[in-house]
C-alpha atoms as a PDB file:
ATOM      1  CA  MET A   1      -2.597  -9.611 -21.719  1.00  0.00           C
ATOM      2  CA  VAL A   2      -1.302  -6.898 -19.424  1.00  0.00           C
ATOM      3  CA  LYS A   3      -4.770  -5.321 -19.305  1.00  0.00           C
ATOM      4  CA  ALA A   4      -6.104  -8.745 -18.261  1.00  0.00           C
ATOM      5  CA  LYS A   5      -3.407  -8.839 -15.525  1.00  0.00           C
ATOM      6  CA  ALA A   6      -1.882 -11.926 -17.112  1.00  0.00           C
ATOM      7  CA  TYR A   7       1.589 -10.607 -16.356  1.00  0.00           C
ATOM      8  CA  LEU A   8       3.484 -13.888 -16.423  1.00  0.00           C
ATOM      9  CA  HIS A   9       1.922 -14.822 -19.752  1.00  0.00           C
ATOM     10  CA  SER A  10       2.790 -11.396 -21.105  1.00  0.00           C
ATOM     11  CA  LEU A  11       6.407 -11.885 -20.170  1.00  0.00           C
ATOM     12  CA  PHE A  12       6.404 -15.420 -21.620  1.00  0.00           C
ATOM     13  CA  PHE A  13       5.191 -14.101 -24.983  1.00  0.00           C
ATOM     14  CA  ALA A  14       7.711 -11.243 -24.829  1.00  0.00           C
ATOM     15  CA  GLN A  15      10.445 -13.835 -24.367  1.00  0.00           C
ATOM     16  CA  LEU A  16       9.128 -15.692 -27.419  1.00  0.00           C
ATOM     17  CA  VAL A  17       9.361 -12.436 -29.464  1.00  0.00           C
ATOM     18  CA  LEU A  18      12.997 -12.043 -28.559  1.00  0.00           C
ATOM     19  CA  GLU A  19      13.710 -15.726 -29.117  1.00  0.00           C
ATOM     20  CA  LYS A  20      12.236 -15.623 -32.657  1.00  0.00           C
ATOM     21  CA  LEU A  21      14.280 -12.537 -33.478  1.00  0.00           C
ATOM     22  CA  CYS A  22      17.444 -14.071 -32.104  1.00  0.00           C
ATOM     23  CA  LYS A  23      16.799 -17.175 -34.138  1.00  0.00           C
ATOM     24  CA  ALA A  24      16.206 -15.048 -37.255  1.00  0.00           C
ATOM     25  CA  HIS A  25      19.687 -13.619 -36.727  1.00  0.00           C
ATOM     26  CA  TRP A  26      21.006 -17.144 -36.225  1.00  0.00           C
ATOM     27  CA  VAL A  27      19.533 -18.200 -39.616  1.00  0.00           C
ATOM     28  CA  LYS A  28      20.946 -15.085 -41.262  1.00  0.00           C
ATOM     29  CA  ASP A  29      24.463 -15.706 -39.885  1.00  0.00           C
ATOM     30  CA  ASN A  30      24.694 -19.493 -40.343  1.00  0.00           C
ATOM     31  CA  GLU A  31      24.618 -21.792 -43.372  1.00  0.00           C
ATOM     32  CA  SER A  32      21.859 -23.990 -41.982  1.00  0.00           C
ATOM     33  CA  ASN A  33      18.345 -22.627 -42.084  1.00  0.00           C
ATOM     34  CA  PHE A  34      17.518 -24.604 -38.931  1.00  0.00           C
ATOM     35  CA  PRO A  35      18.260 -22.745 -35.714  1.00  0.00           C
ATOM     36  CA  PRO A  36      19.021 -24.755 -32.626  1.00  0.00           C
ATOM     37  CA  LYS A  37      16.066 -26.154 -30.721  1.00  0.00           C
ATOM     38  CA  ILE A  38      16.864 -24.256 -27.555  1.00  0.00           C
ATOM     39  CA  HIS A  39      15.268 -21.349 -25.800  1.00  0.00           C
ATOM     40  CA  ASN A  40      18.317 -19.782 -24.133  1.00  0.00           C
ATOM     41  CA  LEU A  41      18.577 -16.370 -25.740  1.00  0.00           C
ATOM     42  CA  LEU A  42      22.291 -15.942 -24.880  1.00  0.00           C
ATOM     43  CA  LEU A  43      23.266 -19.264 -26.381  1.00  0.00           C
ATOM     44  CA  ILE A  44      21.357 -18.454 -29.540  1.00  0.00           C
ATOM     45  CA  ILE A  45      23.005 -15.072 -30.039  1.00  0.00           C
ATOM     46  CA  ALA A  46      26.421 -16.469 -29.184  1.00  0.00           C
ATOM     47  CA  LYS A  47      26.387 -18.142 -32.612  1.00  0.00           C
ATOM     48  CA  THR A  48      25.434 -15.018 -34.526  1.00  0.00           C
ATOM     49  CA  ASN A  49      27.314 -11.965 -35.674  1.00  0.00           C
ATOM     50  CA  LEU A  50      25.287  -9.748 -33.332  1.00  0.00           C
ATOM     51  CA  ASP A  51      27.424  -7.400 -31.290  1.00  0.00           C
ATOM     52  CA  LEU A  52      25.072  -6.438 -28.466  1.00  0.00           C
ATOM     53  CA  PRO A  53      26.038  -4.222 -25.568  1.00  0.00           C
ATOM     54  CA  VAL A  54      26.508  -5.907 -22.172  1.00  0.00           C
ATOM     55  CA  GLU A  55      23.286  -4.290 -20.972  1.00  0.00           C
ATOM     56  CA  ASP A  56      21.277  -5.997 -23.734  1.00  0.00           C
ATOM     57  CA  LYS A  57      22.952  -9.365 -22.952  1.00  0.00           C
ATOM     58  CA  ASP A  58      22.141  -8.928 -19.284  1.00  0.00           C
ATOM     59  CA  PHE A  59      18.530  -8.188 -20.226  1.00  0.00           C
ATOM     60  CA  LEU A  60      18.389 -11.317 -22.388  1.00  0.00           C
ATOM     61  CA  ALA A  61      19.601 -13.323 -19.395  1.00  0.00           C
ATOM     62  CA  ILE A  62      16.681 -11.907 -17.399  1.00  0.00           C
ATOM     63  CA  MET A  63      14.255 -12.719 -20.180  1.00  0.00           C
ATOM     64  CA  ASN A  64      15.461 -16.322 -20.160  1.00  0.00           C
ATOM     65  CA  HIS A  65      13.604 -16.664 -16.863  1.00  0.00           C
ATOM     66  CA  PHE A  66      10.305 -16.353 -18.643  1.00  0.00           C
ATOM     67  CA  GLN A  67      10.745 -19.288 -20.948  1.00  0.00           C
ATOM     68  CA  LEU A  68       8.390 -21.488 -18.946  1.00  0.00           C
ATOM     69  CA  GLU A  69       7.805 -25.152 -19.254  1.00  0.00           C
ATOM     70  CA  GLY A  70       4.825 -26.933 -17.658  1.00  0.00           C
ATOM     71  CA  ARG A  71       7.063 -29.135 -15.566  1.00  0.00           C
ATOM     72  CA  TYR A  72       8.097 -26.293 -13.284  1.00  0.00           C
ATOM     73  CA  PRO A  73       4.891 -25.240 -11.436  1.00  0.00           C
ATOM     74  CA  ASP A  74       6.766 -24.060  -8.302  1.00  0.00           C
ATOM     75  CA  TYR A  75       8.965 -21.788 -10.437  1.00  0.00           C
ATOM     76  CA  LYS A  76       5.971 -20.369 -12.225  1.00  0.00           C
ATOM     77  CA  LEU A  77       4.250 -19.641  -8.898  1.00  0.00           C
ATOM     78  CA  GLU A  78       7.360 -17.840  -7.639  1.00  0.00           C
ATOM     79  CA  LEU A  79       7.501 -15.704 -10.835  1.00  0.00           C
ATOM     80  CA  PHE A  80       3.760 -15.065 -10.675  1.00  0.00           C
ATOM     81  CA  LYS A  81       4.088 -13.618  -7.161  1.00  0.00           C
ATOM     82  CA  LYS A  82       7.029 -11.419  -8.143  1.00  0.00           C
ATOM     83  CA  TYR A  83       5.965  -9.845 -11.429  1.00  0.00           C
ATOM     84  CA  LYS A  84       3.048  -7.484 -11.223  1.00  0.00           C
ATOM     85  CA  SER A  85       1.861  -4.496 -13.288  1.00  0.00           C
ATOM     86  CA  VAL A  86       4.745  -2.049 -12.803  1.00  0.00           C
ATOM     87  CA  GLN A  87       7.577  -4.531 -13.176  1.00  0.00           C
ATOM     88  CA  THR A  88       5.913  -6.158 -16.197  1.00  0.00           C
ATOM     89  CA  LYS A  89       5.293  -2.857 -17.953  1.00  0.00           C
ATOM     90  CA  LYS A  90       8.934  -1.803 -17.395  1.00  0.00           C
ATOM     91  CA  ILE A  91      10.226  -5.082 -18.816  1.00  0.00           C
ATOM     92  CA  LEU A  92       7.855  -4.904 -21.804  1.00  0.00           C
ATOM     93  CA  GLU A  93       9.233  -1.421 -22.582  1.00  0.00           C
ATOM     94  CA  GLN A  94      12.752  -2.821 -22.606  1.00  0.00           C
ATOM     95  CA  VAL A  95      11.623  -5.755 -24.778  1.00  0.00           C
ATOM     96  CA  ASN A  96      10.115  -3.308 -27.275  1.00  0.00           C
ATOM     97  CA  THR A  97      13.322  -1.300 -27.442  1.00  0.00           C
ATOM     98  CA  LEU A  98      15.447  -4.417 -27.971  1.00  0.00           C
ATOM     99  CA  ARG A  99      12.908  -5.820 -30.505  1.00  0.00           C
ATOM    100  CA  LYS A 100      13.307  -2.684 -32.624  1.00  0.00           C
ATOM    101  CA  CYS A 101      17.086  -2.912 -32.406  1.00  0.00           C
ATOM    102  CA  LEU A 102      17.099  -6.577 -33.430  1.00  0.00           C
ATOM    103  CA  LEU A 103      14.743  -5.901 -36.318  1.00  0.00           C
ATOM    104  CA  LYS A 104      16.954  -3.060 -37.616  1.00  0.00           C
ATOM    105  CA  LYS A 105      19.950  -5.387 -37.629  1.00  0.00           C
ATOM    106  CA  LEU A 106      18.271  -8.039 -39.692  1.00  0.00           C
END
Protein backbone atom coordinates (compact mmCIF):
# COMPACT_ATOMS: atom_id res chain seq x y z
CA MET A 1 0.00 0.00 0.00
CA VAL A 2 2.93 2.32 0.65
CA LYS A 3 4.20 1.72 -2.89
CA ALA A 4 0.76 2.74 -4.15
CA LYS A 5 1.03 5.87 -1.98
CA ALA A 6 -2.01 4.82 0.05
CA TYR A 7 -0.36 6.07 3.21
CA LEU A 8 -3.45 6.53 5.33
CA HIS A 9 -4.69 3.05 4.46
CA SER A 10 -1.26 1.65 5.31
CA LEU A 11 -1.42 3.26 8.72
CA PHE A 12 -4.99 2.05 9.24
CA PHE A 13 -3.93 -1.55 8.55
CA ALA A 14 -0.86 -1.13 10.78
CA GLN A 15 -3.19 -0.03 13.59
CA LEU A 16 -5.26 -3.16 12.98
CA VAL A 17 -2.17 -5.34 13.31
CA LEU A 18 -1.39 -3.83 16.69
CA GLU A 19 -5.04 -4.02 17.76
CA LYS A 20 -5.23 -7.74 16.98
CA LEU A 21 -2.01 -8.41 18.88
CA CYS A 22 -3.20 -6.39 21.87
CA LYS A 23 -6.47 -8.33 21.82
CA ALA A 24 -4.54 -11.61 21.64
CA HIS A 25 -2.79 -10.57 24.85
CA TRP A 26 -6.16 -9.64 26.33
CA VAL A 27 -7.50 -13.13 25.59
CA LYS A 28 -4.35 -14.71 27.01
CA ASP A 29 -4.61 -12.73 30.25
CA ASN A 30 -8.37 -12.87 30.86
CA GLU A 31 -10.79 -15.72 31.52
CA SER A 32 -13.16 -14.68 28.74
CA ASN A 33 -12.15 -15.50 25.19
CA PHE A 34 -14.00 -12.43 23.96
CA PRO A 35 -11.93 -9.26 23.99
CA PRO A 36 -13.74 -5.93 24.32
CA LYS A 37 -15.30 -4.50 21.17
CA ILE A 38 -13.18 -1.39 21.27
CA HIS A 39 -10.31 -0.13 19.16
CA ASN A 40 -8.41 1.95 21.70
CA LEU A 41 -5.07 0.17 22.03
CA LEU A 42 -4.28 1.67 25.44
CA LEU A 43 -7.59 0.58 26.93
CA ILE A 44 -7.10 -2.93 25.58
CA ILE A 45 -3.60 -3.37 27.01
CA ALA A 46 -4.66 -1.82 30.32
CA LYS A 47 -6.51 -5.06 31.04
CA THR A 48 -3.57 -7.32 30.20
CA ASN A 49 -0.41 -8.34 32.01
CA LEU A 50 1.73 -6.52 29.45
CA ASP A 51 4.35 -4.28 31.00
CA LEU A 52 5.23 -1.99 28.12
CA PRO A 53 7.66 0.89 28.39
CA VAL A 54 6.21 4.40 28.34
CA GLU A 55 7.59 4.93 24.83
CA ASP A 56 5.55 1.99 23.51
CA LYS A 57 2.42 3.23 25.24
CA ASP A 58 2.97 6.69 23.76
CA PHE A 59 3.34 5.09 20.35
CA LEU A 60 0.11 3.12 20.82
CA ALA A 61 -1.63 6.41 21.63
CA ILE A 62 -0.39 7.77 18.31
CA MET A 63 -1.55 4.65 16.50
CA ASN A 64 -5.03 5.13 17.94
CA HIS A 65 -5.37 8.08 15.56
CA PHE A 66 -5.40 5.72 12.60
CA GLN A 67 -8.43 3.73 13.68
CA LEU A 68 -10.70 5.42 11.19
CA GLU A 69 -14.41 5.24 10.93
CA GLY A 70 -16.38 6.38 7.90
CA ARG A 71 -18.29 9.00 9.84
CA TYR A 72 -15.26 11.26 10.23
CA PRO A 73 -14.39 12.43 6.70
CA ASP A 74 -12.87 15.74 7.86
CA TYR A 75 -10.54 13.91 10.24
CA LYS A 76 -9.46 11.52 7.49
CA LEU A 77 -8.73 14.45 5.18
CA GLU A 78 -6.60 16.09 7.88
CA LEU A 79 -4.61 12.87 8.39
CA PHE A 80 -4.33 12.32 4.65
CA LYS A 81 -2.67 15.73 4.25
CA LYS A 82 -0.28 15.14 7.15
CA TYR A 83 1.03 11.63 6.56
CA LYS A 84 3.15 11.16 3.49
CA SER A 85 5.89 8.76 2.48
CA VAL A 86 8.63 9.60 5.00
CA GLN A 87 6.35 9.85 8.04
CA THR A 88 4.46 6.69 7.09
CA LYS A 89 7.61 4.63 6.56
CA LYS A 90 8.99 5.76 9.92
CA ILE A 91 5.77 4.81 11.70
CA LEU A 92 5.61 1.46 9.92
CA GLU A 93 9.15 0.69 11.11
CA GLN A 94 8.04 1.38 14.69
CA VAL A 95 4.94 -0.77 14.18
CA ASN A 96 7.10 -3.63 12.97
CA THR A 97 9.38 -3.37 16.01
CA LEU A 98 6.44 -3.31 18.42
CA ARG A 99 4.72 -6.12 16.48
CA LYS A 100 7.74 -8.36 17.01
CA CYS A 101 7.85 -7.46 20.70
CA LEU A 102 4.15 -8.26 21.20
CA LEU A 103 4.48 -11.54 19.34
CA LYS A 104 7.44 -12.60 21.52
CA LYS A 105 5.42 -11.92 24.67
CA LEU A 106 2.48 -14.09 23.59
